[in-house]
Amino acid sequence: MPEWFAWFIFFWVFVLVGFMAIGGYFMFRKFLKVLPQDDGKSKLDWQNYYVEQSRELWTEDSKEFLELLVSPVPGPFRDIARHSIAARIGQVALERNADAVTRDDCIEGYILATPKRDYKSLTSFLDKRQIDYTRFRHLLK
């Protein structure tokens, strides 16, 4: 076997192992979301519950605003992000017994659904779109 071919095989072994490790990481994160919590329901169960319970509260304006909020998320992950953000927005609206989901509910739910490590990009996106989030700055700490 030529030496270049051995190096070629050696290179692809590391590439494939790297891809499998990355895929395994994301699968493990999804697996952790499915595990039941203390109340017997998983994070995904609660997300589905809040989406279903708040479905009739969503107006066309709030749906369009949600689409605007998830626009910076890369395409392959946008559906998952939309679902988790919509669940958090629905939770916010249901907890305050709202008649409809408002822009304030969307902004608050968006901030609460975003991991702390992404707050810098969140605030830059909101500033770039000139969306006022001053009422919710305390959530960013």
Protein backbone atom coordinates (compact mmCIF):
# COMPACT_ATOMS: atom_id res chain seq x y z
CA MET A 1 0.00 0.00 0.00
CA PRO A 2 1.42 3.42 -0.93
CA GLU A 3 2.33 5.74 1.91
CA TRP A 4 0.02 8.56 0.70
CA PHE A 5 -2.94 6.18 0.80
CA ALA A 6 -2.17 5.23 4.41
CA TRP A 7 -2.10 8.93 5.34
CA PHE A 8 -5.36 9.45 3.46
CA ILE A 9 -7.05 6.67 5.46
CA PHE A 10 -5.53 7.99 8.69
CA PHE A 11 -6.90 11.51 7.94
CA TRP A 12 -10.43 10.24 7.18
CA VAL A 13 -10.50 8.16 10.36
CA PHE A 14 -10.01 11.32 12.40
CA VAL A 15 -12.55 13.27 10.33
CA LEU A 16 -15.21 10.57 10.75
CA VAL A 17 -14.53 10.18 14.47
CA GLY A 18 -14.80 13.95 14.85
CA PHE A 19 -18.14 14.07 13.01
CA MET A 20 -19.47 11.17 15.08
CA ALA A 21 -18.42 12.95 18.29
CA ILE A 22 -20.19 16.15 17.23
CA GLY A 23 -23.35 14.25 16.27
CA GLY A 24 -23.23 12.29 19.51
CA TYR A 25 -22.98 15.48 21.50
CA PHE A 26 -26.15 16.89 19.95
CA MET A 27 -27.98 13.58 20.31
CA PHE A 28 -27.02 13.43 23.99
CA ARG A 29 -28.34 16.97 24.55
CA LYS A 30 -31.65 15.94 22.95
CA PHE A 31 -31.70 12.81 25.13
CA LEU A 32 -31.32 14.93 28.28
CA LYS A 33 -34.36 16.99 27.27
CA VAL A 34 -36.48 13.83 27.08
CA LEU A 35 -35.58 12.58 30.57
CA PRO A 36 -38.37 13.14 33.13
CA GLN A 37 -37.87 15.79 35.78
CA ASP A 38 -39.06 15.66 39.39
CA ASP A 39 -42.67 16.27 38.34
CA GLY A 40 -42.64 13.32 35.93
CA LYS A 41 -42.63 15.41 32.75
CA SER A 42 -39.65 16.17 30.56
CA LYS A 43 -38.62 19.56 29.20
CA LEU A 44 -40.07 18.59 25.83
CA ASP A 45 -43.37 17.60 27.47
CA TRP A 46 -43.59 21.02 29.11
CA GLN A 47 -42.69 22.78 25.87
CA ASN A 48 -45.42 20.91 24.01
CA TYR A 49 -47.89 21.67 26.82
CA TYR A 50 -47.23 25.42 26.71
CA VAL A 51 -47.38 25.52 22.91
CA GLU A 52 -50.73 23.70 22.87
CA GLN A 53 -52.25 25.70 25.73
CA SER A 54 -51.26 29.04 24.20
CA ARG A 55 -52.08 28.19 20.58
CA GLU A 56 -55.29 30.27 20.51
CA LEU A 57 -53.56 33.27 22.11
CA TRP A 58 -51.27 33.87 19.13
CA THR A 59 -52.23 36.67 16.75
CA GLU A 60 -50.87 37.19 13.24
CA ASP A 61 -48.73 40.07 14.54
CA SER A 62 -47.20 37.95 17.29
CA LYS A 63 -46.53 35.08 14.85
CA GLU A 64 -44.75 37.47 12.49
CA PHE A 65 -42.78 38.91 15.40
CA LEU A 66 -41.75 35.38 16.45
CA GLU A 67 -40.51 34.76 12.90
CA LEU A 68 -38.47 37.96 13.13
CA LEU A 69 -36.99 36.84 16.45
CA VAL A 70 -35.90 33.43 15.15
CA SER A 71 -34.51 34.83 11.89
CA PRO A 72 -30.86 34.94 13.13
CA VAL A 73 -30.95 31.21 13.98
CA PRO A 74 -29.32 29.06 11.27
CA GLY A 75 -31.85 27.32 9.02
CA PRO A 76 -31.35 23.71 10.18
CA PHE A 77 -31.96 24.69 13.82
CA ARG A 78 -34.71 27.28 13.24
CA ASP A 79 -37.69 24.93 13.74
CA ILE A 80 -36.37 23.68 17.07
CA ALA A 81 -35.57 27.24 18.20
CA ARG A 82 -39.01 28.46 17.09
CA HIS A 83 -40.72 25.72 19.10
CA SER A 84 -38.74 26.29 22.30
CA ILE A 85 -39.07 30.09 22.09
CA ALA A 86 -42.81 29.83 21.33
CA ALA A 87 -43.20 27.53 24.34
CA ARG A 88 -41.49 30.02 26.62
CA ILE A 89 -43.54 32.91 25.21
CA GLY A 90 -46.69 30.85 25.72
CA GLN A 91 -45.66 30.13 29.30
CA VAL A 92 -45.17 33.86 29.95
CA ALA A 93 -48.58 34.69 28.44
CA LEU A 94 -50.36 31.90 30.33
CA GLU A 95 -48.78 32.85 33.66
CA ARG A 96 -50.13 36.36 33.39
CA ASN A 97 -53.55 35.13 32.13
CA ALA A 98 -53.30 37.10 28.90
CA ASP A 99 -56.04 37.27 26.30
CA ALA A 100 -53.44 37.36 23.52
CA VAL A 101 -49.70 37.10 23.08
CA THR A 102 -48.25 40.61 22.87
CA ARG A 103 -44.89 41.88 21.67
CA ASP A 104 -43.83 42.35 25.30
CA ASP A 105 -44.61 38.68 25.95
CA CYS A 106 -42.57 37.77 22.88
CA ILE A 107 -39.57 39.84 23.99
CA GLU A 108 -39.70 38.49 27.55
CA GLY A 109 -40.10 34.89 26.38
CA TYR A 110 -37.34 35.34 23.83
CA ILE A 111 -34.95 36.56 26.51
CA LEU A 112 -35.94 33.79 28.93
CA ALA A 113 -35.59 31.09 26.24
CA THR A 114 -32.14 32.28 25.18
CA PRO A 115 -29.13 30.78 26.98
CA LYS A 116 -27.01 33.28 28.93
CA ARG A 117 -24.01 32.65 26.70
CA ASP A 118 -25.98 34.14 23.78
CA TYR A 119 -27.11 37.35 25.50
CA LYS A 120 -24.54 39.45 23.68
CA SER A 121 -25.80 38.39 20.25
CA LEU A 122 -29.41 38.68 21.48
CA THR A 123 -28.96 42.29 22.57
CA SER A 124 -27.07 43.19 19.39
CA PHE A 125 -29.89 41.68 17.31
CA LEU A 126 -32.55 43.57 19.25
CA ASP A 127 -30.55 46.81 18.99
CA LYS A 128 -29.99 46.29 15.28
CA ARG A 129 -33.74 45.81 14.73
CA GLN A 130 -34.47 48.78 17.04
CA ILE A 131 -36.64 46.65 19.33
CA ASP A 132 -37.07 48.24 22.76
CA TYR A 133 -36.23 45.78 25.52
CA THR A 134 -35.46 48.22 28.34
CA ARG A 135 -38.34 46.85 30.49
CA PHE A 136 -36.65 43.44 30.44
CA ARG A 137 -33.00 44.40 31.03
CA HIS A 138 -33.21 42.89 34.52
CA LEU A 139 -33.65 39.45 32.88
CA LEU A 140 -30.30 39.80 31.14
CA LYS A 141 -28.29 39.80 34.38
